[in-house]
Amino acid sequence: CKLPVIASDVQGINNMLHNNVTGILVPPQQPELLANAIDLLLNDNNLALQLATNAYQKSAERFSSNTIFESYKRIFSK
């Protein structure tokens, strides 16, 4: 959707999102740090746009139908 992402730095999320590259990771149960991250993106449009663009490009590369098809093909041809 080309939106910037802020997520908890927990297993399963932190291996898909790269902090300050494709989104912002904050420690779980740290509402002040979450609020700071939200404030940062609300006040830095360039950063928000860059994170969103990076995340979109990364997910388009990793999860395109062709990429997924090739992954399944490798799995099932073993």
N, C-alpha and C. Protein backbone atom coordinates (compact mmCIF):
# COMPACT_ATOMS: atom_id res chain seq x y z
N CYS A 1 0.82 -1.21 0.00
CA CYS A 1 0.00 0.00 0.00
C CYS A 1 0.86 1.27 0.00
N LYS A 2 2.17 1.09 0.06
CA LYS A 2 3.10 2.22 0.10
C LYS A 2 2.85 3.15 1.28
N LEU A 3 2.62 2.52 2.45
CA LEU A 3 2.47 3.27 3.69
C LEU A 3 3.64 2.94 4.61
N PRO A 4 4.13 3.91 5.40
CA PRO A 4 5.21 3.59 6.33
C PRO A 4 4.70 2.68 7.44
N VAL A 5 5.56 1.81 7.92
CA VAL A 5 5.18 0.82 8.93
C VAL A 5 5.97 1.03 10.21
N ILE A 6 5.25 0.97 11.32
CA ILE A 6 5.84 0.93 12.65
C ILE A 6 5.34 -0.36 13.27
N ALA A 7 6.26 -1.19 13.77
CA ALA A 7 5.86 -2.49 14.30
C ALA A 7 6.68 -2.83 15.53
N SER A 8 6.18 -3.79 16.30
CA SER A 8 6.93 -4.28 17.47
C SER A 8 8.11 -5.11 17.03
N ASP A 9 9.20 -4.96 17.71
CA ASP A 9 10.43 -5.70 17.43
C ASP A 9 10.34 -7.08 18.07
N VAL A 10 9.56 -7.95 17.42
CA VAL A 10 9.36 -9.30 17.91
C VAL A 10 9.66 -10.28 16.78
N GLN A 11 9.98 -11.51 17.16
CA GLN A 11 10.29 -12.54 16.18
C GLN A 11 9.12 -12.73 15.23
N GLY A 12 9.43 -12.87 13.95
CA GLY A 12 8.40 -13.01 12.94
C GLY A 12 8.13 -11.69 12.24
N ILE A 13 8.25 -10.60 12.97
CA ILE A 13 8.11 -9.27 12.38
C ILE A 13 9.48 -8.72 12.05
N ASN A 14 10.41 -8.86 12.99
CA ASN A 14 11.74 -8.27 12.78
C ASN A 14 12.57 -8.97 11.71
N ASN A 15 12.11 -10.13 11.22
CA ASN A 15 12.84 -10.73 10.10
C ASN A 15 12.23 -10.33 8.76
N MET A 16 11.13 -9.60 8.79
CA MET A 16 10.52 -9.09 7.56
C MET A 16 10.72 -7.59 7.40
N LEU A 17 10.89 -6.91 8.49
CA LEU A 17 11.02 -5.46 8.49
C LEU A 17 12.42 -5.09 8.96
N HIS A 18 13.10 -4.28 8.19
CA HIS A 18 14.45 -3.84 8.57
C HIS A 18 14.36 -2.43 9.15
N ASN A 19 14.77 -2.31 10.41
CA ASN A 19 14.64 -1.06 11.14
C ASN A 19 15.31 0.10 10.41
N ASN A 20 14.55 1.18 10.25
CA ASN A 20 14.99 2.41 9.61
C ASN A 20 15.34 2.23 8.13
N VAL A 21 14.93 1.11 7.55
CA VAL A 21 15.11 0.89 6.11
C VAL A 21 13.75 0.65 5.47
N THR A 22 13.02 -0.34 5.98
CA THR A 22 11.69 -0.64 5.45
C THR A 22 10.59 -0.36 6.48
N GLY A 23 10.94 0.22 7.58
CA GLY A 23 9.99 0.56 8.63
C GLY A 23 10.71 0.89 9.91
N ILE A 24 9.95 1.05 10.95
CA ILE A 24 10.53 1.33 12.26
C ILE A 24 10.08 0.24 13.22
N LEU A 25 11.06 -0.35 13.90
CA LEU A 25 10.78 -1.36 14.92
C LEU A 25 10.92 -0.72 16.29
N VAL A 26 9.95 -0.99 17.15
CA VAL A 26 10.01 -0.50 18.52
C VAL A 26 9.91 -1.69 19.46
N PRO A 27 10.56 -1.64 20.61
CA PRO A 27 10.46 -2.74 21.57
C PRO A 27 9.01 -2.92 22.01
N PRO A 28 8.61 -4.17 22.25
CA PRO A 28 7.25 -4.40 22.72
C PRO A 28 7.01 -3.76 24.09
N GLN A 29 5.79 -3.39 24.32
CA GLN A 29 5.35 -2.83 25.59
C GLN A 29 6.12 -1.57 25.98
N GLN A 30 6.44 -0.77 24.98
CA GLN A 30 7.12 0.51 25.20
C GLN A 30 6.30 1.62 24.54
N PRO A 31 5.17 2.00 25.15
CA PRO A 31 4.28 2.96 24.50
C PRO A 31 4.92 4.31 24.20
N GLU A 32 5.86 4.74 25.03
CA GLU A 32 6.52 6.02 24.77
C GLU A 32 7.35 5.96 23.50
N LEU A 33 8.05 4.83 23.29
CA LEU A 33 8.86 4.69 22.07
C LEU A 33 7.97 4.56 20.84
N LEU A 34 6.84 3.91 20.99
CA LEU A 34 5.88 3.82 19.89
C LEU A 34 5.36 5.21 19.54
N ALA A 35 5.01 5.97 20.55
CA ALA A 35 4.53 7.34 20.33
C ALA A 35 5.60 8.19 19.66
N ASN A 36 6.86 8.02 20.07
CA ASN A 36 7.97 8.75 19.44
C ASN A 36 8.11 8.40 17.97
N ALA A 37 7.96 7.12 17.65
CA ALA A 37 8.07 6.68 16.25
C ALA A 37 6.93 7.26 15.42
N ILE A 38 5.73 7.26 15.97
CA ILE A 38 4.59 7.84 15.26
C ILE A 38 4.82 9.33 15.03
N ASP A 39 5.25 10.00 16.07
CA ASP A 39 5.54 11.44 15.97
C ASP A 39 6.61 11.71 14.92
N LEU A 40 7.65 10.88 14.91
CA LEU A 40 8.73 11.05 13.93
C LEU A 40 8.19 10.99 12.51
N LEU A 41 7.38 9.98 12.21
CA LEU A 41 6.87 9.84 10.84
C LEU A 41 5.84 10.91 10.49
N LEU A 42 5.08 11.35 11.48
CA LEU A 42 4.13 12.43 11.21
C LEU A 42 4.83 13.74 10.88
N ASN A 43 6.03 13.92 11.43
CA ASN A 43 6.75 15.17 11.25
C ASN A 43 7.87 15.11 10.23
N ASP A 44 8.15 13.94 9.69
CA ASP A 44 9.20 13.80 8.68
C ASP A 44 8.64 13.06 7.46
N ASN A 45 8.00 13.83 6.59
CA ASN A 45 7.38 13.24 5.41
C ASN A 45 8.38 12.53 4.51
N ASN A 46 9.59 13.06 4.42
CA ASN A 46 10.60 12.42 3.57
C ASN A 46 10.97 11.04 4.10
N LEU A 47 11.14 10.93 5.40
CA LEU A 47 11.46 9.63 6.00
C LEU A 47 10.29 8.67 5.81
N ALA A 48 9.09 9.13 6.06
CA ALA A 48 7.90 8.28 5.89
C ALA A 48 7.81 7.77 4.46
N LEU A 49 8.03 8.64 3.49
CA LEU A 49 7.97 8.25 2.08
C LEU A 49 9.08 7.27 1.73
N GLN A 50 10.29 7.51 2.25
CA GLN A 50 11.41 6.62 1.96
C GLN A 50 11.18 5.22 2.54
N LEU A 51 10.73 5.15 3.78
CA LEU A 51 10.45 3.84 4.40
C LEU A 51 9.36 3.10 3.62
N ALA A 52 8.31 3.82 3.26
CA ALA A 52 7.20 3.21 2.52
C ALA A 52 7.66 2.71 1.15
N THR A 53 8.46 3.50 0.47
CA THR A 53 8.96 3.11 -0.86
C THR A 53 9.88 1.90 -0.75
N ASN A 54 10.77 1.91 0.22
CA ASN A 54 11.69 0.78 0.41
C ASN A 54 10.91 -0.50 0.71
N ALA A 55 9.91 -0.40 1.59
CA ALA A 55 9.12 -1.57 1.96
C ALA A 55 8.35 -2.10 0.75
N TYR A 56 7.79 -1.22 -0.04
CA TYR A 56 7.04 -1.63 -1.22
C TYR A 56 7.95 -2.36 -2.21
N GLN A 57 9.12 -1.79 -2.46
CA GLN A 57 10.06 -2.42 -3.39
C GLN A 57 10.51 -3.79 -2.89
N LYS A 58 10.82 -3.87 -1.61
CA LYS A 58 11.26 -5.14 -1.02
C LYS A 58 10.17 -6.19 -1.12
N SER A 59 8.95 -5.82 -0.80
CA SER A 59 7.88 -6.80 -0.84
C SER A 59 7.53 -7.17 -2.28
N ALA A 60 7.63 -6.25 -3.21
CA ALA A 60 7.38 -6.57 -4.62
C ALA A 60 8.42 -7.57 -5.13
N GLU A 61 9.66 -7.43 -4.66
CA GLU A 61 10.72 -8.37 -5.05
C GLU A 61 10.50 -9.74 -4.42
N ARG A 62 10.22 -9.77 -3.15
CA ARG A 62 10.12 -11.04 -2.41
C ARG A 62 8.81 -11.78 -2.61
N PHE A 63 7.74 -11.06 -2.87
CA PHE A 63 6.43 -11.68 -2.87
C PHE A 63 5.66 -11.53 -4.18
N SER A 64 6.34 -11.21 -5.26
CA SER A 64 5.65 -11.14 -6.55
C SER A 64 5.15 -12.53 -6.90
N SER A 65 4.14 -12.61 -7.74
CA SER A 65 3.60 -13.92 -8.11
C SER A 65 4.67 -14.78 -8.78
N ASN A 66 5.53 -14.17 -9.57
CA ASN A 66 6.60 -14.92 -10.22
C ASN A 66 7.60 -15.47 -9.21
N THR A 67 7.98 -14.68 -8.24
CA THR A 67 8.91 -15.12 -7.20
C THR A 67 8.32 -16.26 -6.39
N ILE A 68 7.07 -16.12 -6.00
CA ILE A 68 6.39 -17.17 -5.23
C ILE A 68 6.28 -18.44 -6.06
N PHE A 69 5.91 -18.31 -7.32
CA PHE A 69 5.80 -19.47 -8.20
C PHE A 69 7.14 -20.21 -8.30
N GLU A 70 8.22 -19.46 -8.48
CA GLU A 70 9.55 -20.08 -8.59
C GLU A 70 9.93 -20.78 -7.28
N SER A 71 9.57 -20.20 -6.15
CA SER A 71 9.85 -20.83 -4.86
C SER A 71 9.11 -22.16 -4.73
N TYR A 72 7.82 -22.15 -5.08
CA TYR A 72 7.05 -23.40 -5.04
C TYR A 72 7.61 -24.42 -6.01
N LYS A 73 8.01 -23.98 -7.16
CA LYS A 73 8.56 -24.88 -8.18
C LYS A 73 9.81 -25.59 -7.65
N ARG A 74 10.67 -24.81 -6.97
CA ARG A 74 11.89 -25.42 -6.39
C ARG A 74 11.53 -26.44 -5.30
N ILE A 75 10.56 -26.09 -4.48
CA ILE A 75 10.16 -26.98 -3.38
C ILE A 75 9.60 -28.29 -3.92
N PHE A 76 8.71 -28.20 -4.88
CA PHE A 76 8.02 -29.39 -5.37
C PHE A 76 8.81 -30.20 -6.39
N SER A 77 9.91 -29.66 -6.89
CA SER A 77 10.69 -30.40 -7.87
C SER A 77 11.82 -31.20 -7.21
N LYS A 78 11.85 -31.19 -5.89
CA LYS A 78 12.89 -31.93 -5.14
C LYS A 78 12.54 -33.39 -5.07
